[in-house]
Amino acid sequence: MGNEIFTVAFISSMLILLGLVLGFVLLKVQGE
């Protein structure tokens, strides 16, 4: 049961990191 919580937290943190990277790339592309 504890593994499920860790997996969900890991996936959510990865999604947040992906969102930040995508947002940064989009800003750089728009800047050019």
N, C-alpha and C. Protein backbone atom coordinates (compact mmCIF):
# COMPACT_ATOMS: atom_id res chain seq x y z
N MET A 1 0.85 -1.20 0.00
CA MET A 1 0.00 0.00 0.00
C MET A 1 0.89 1.26 0.00
N GLY A 2 1.97 1.23 0.77
CA GLY A 2 2.86 2.39 0.82
C GLY A 2 3.49 2.66 -0.54
N ASN A 3 3.73 1.57 -1.31
CA ASN A 3 4.34 1.75 -2.63
C ASN A 3 3.44 2.55 -3.54
N GLU A 4 2.13 2.36 -3.43
CA GLU A 4 1.19 3.08 -4.31
C GLU A 4 1.32 4.59 -4.09
N ILE A 5 1.40 5.01 -2.83
CA ILE A 5 1.51 6.44 -2.53
C ILE A 5 2.81 6.99 -3.12
N PHE A 6 3.90 6.24 -2.96
CA PHE A 6 5.20 6.69 -3.48
C PHE A 6 5.15 6.80 -5.00
N THR A 7 4.52 5.81 -5.65
CA THR A 7 4.43 5.83 -7.11
C THR A 7 3.63 7.03 -7.59
N VAL A 8 2.50 7.30 -6.94
CA VAL A 8 1.66 8.44 -7.34
C VAL A 8 2.43 9.75 -7.15
N ALA A 9 3.14 9.88 -6.03
CA ALA A 9 3.90 11.11 -5.78
C ALA A 9 5.01 11.26 -6.82
N PHE A 10 5.66 10.15 -7.17
CA PHE A 10 6.75 10.20 -8.16
C PHE A 10 6.22 10.61 -9.52
N ILE A 11 5.09 10.01 -9.94
CA ILE A 11 4.50 10.33 -11.25
C ILE A 11 4.06 11.80 -11.28
N SER A 12 3.43 12.27 -10.21
CA SER A 12 2.95 13.66 -10.18
C SER A 12 4.14 14.62 -10.24
N SER A 13 5.23 14.32 -9.54
CA SER A 13 6.40 15.20 -9.58
C SER A 13 7.02 15.20 -10.97
N MET A 14 7.04 14.04 -11.63
CA MET A 14 7.58 13.97 -12.99
C MET A 14 6.72 14.79 -13.93
N LEU A 15 5.38 14.73 -13.78
CA LEU A 15 4.48 15.51 -14.64
C LEU A 15 4.72 17.00 -14.43
N ILE A 16 4.94 17.41 -13.18
CA ILE A 16 5.19 18.83 -12.90
C ILE A 16 6.50 19.26 -13.56
N LEU A 17 7.54 18.42 -13.47
CA LEU A 17 8.82 18.76 -14.11
C LEU A 17 8.64 18.87 -15.61
N LEU A 18 7.89 17.93 -16.22
CA LEU A 18 7.65 17.98 -17.66
C LEU A 18 6.93 19.28 -18.02
N GLY A 19 5.95 19.68 -17.23
CA GLY A 19 5.21 20.91 -17.49
C GLY A 19 6.13 22.12 -17.43
N LEU A 20 7.03 22.15 -16.45
CA LEU A 20 7.96 23.28 -16.34
C LEU A 20 8.89 23.33 -17.54
N VAL A 21 9.42 22.18 -17.95
CA VAL A 21 10.33 22.14 -19.10
C VAL A 21 9.61 22.57 -20.37
N LEU A 22 8.38 22.05 -20.57
CA LEU A 22 7.61 22.41 -21.77
C LEU A 22 7.32 23.91 -21.77
N GLY A 23 6.94 24.47 -20.63
CA GLY A 23 6.66 25.90 -20.54
C GLY A 23 7.91 26.72 -20.85
N PHE A 24 9.07 26.29 -20.34
CA PHE A 24 10.32 27.00 -20.60
C PHE A 24 10.66 26.97 -22.08
N VAL A 25 10.50 25.80 -22.72
CA VAL A 25 10.79 25.67 -24.15
C VAL A 25 9.85 26.56 -24.96
N LEU A 26 8.57 26.55 -24.61
CA LEU A 26 7.60 27.38 -25.33
C LEU A 26 7.96 28.86 -25.20
N LEU A 27 8.39 29.29 -24.01
CA LEU A 27 8.78 30.69 -23.82
C LEU A 27 9.99 31.02 -24.68
N LYS A 28 10.97 30.12 -24.75
CA LYS A 28 12.17 30.37 -25.57
C LYS A 28 11.79 30.45 -27.04
N VAL A 29 10.91 29.57 -27.49
CA VAL A 29 10.50 29.57 -28.90
C VAL A 29 9.76 30.87 -29.22
N GLN A 30 8.88 31.32 -28.32
CA GLN A 30 8.13 32.56 -28.56
C GLN A 30 9.08 33.76 -28.51
N GLY A 31 10.10 33.68 -27.65
CA GLY A 31 11.06 34.78 -27.53
C GLY A 31 11.79 35.00 -28.85
N GLU A 32 12.10 33.90 -29.55
CA GLU A 32 12.77 34.02 -30.85
C GLU A 32 11.74 34.42 -31.88
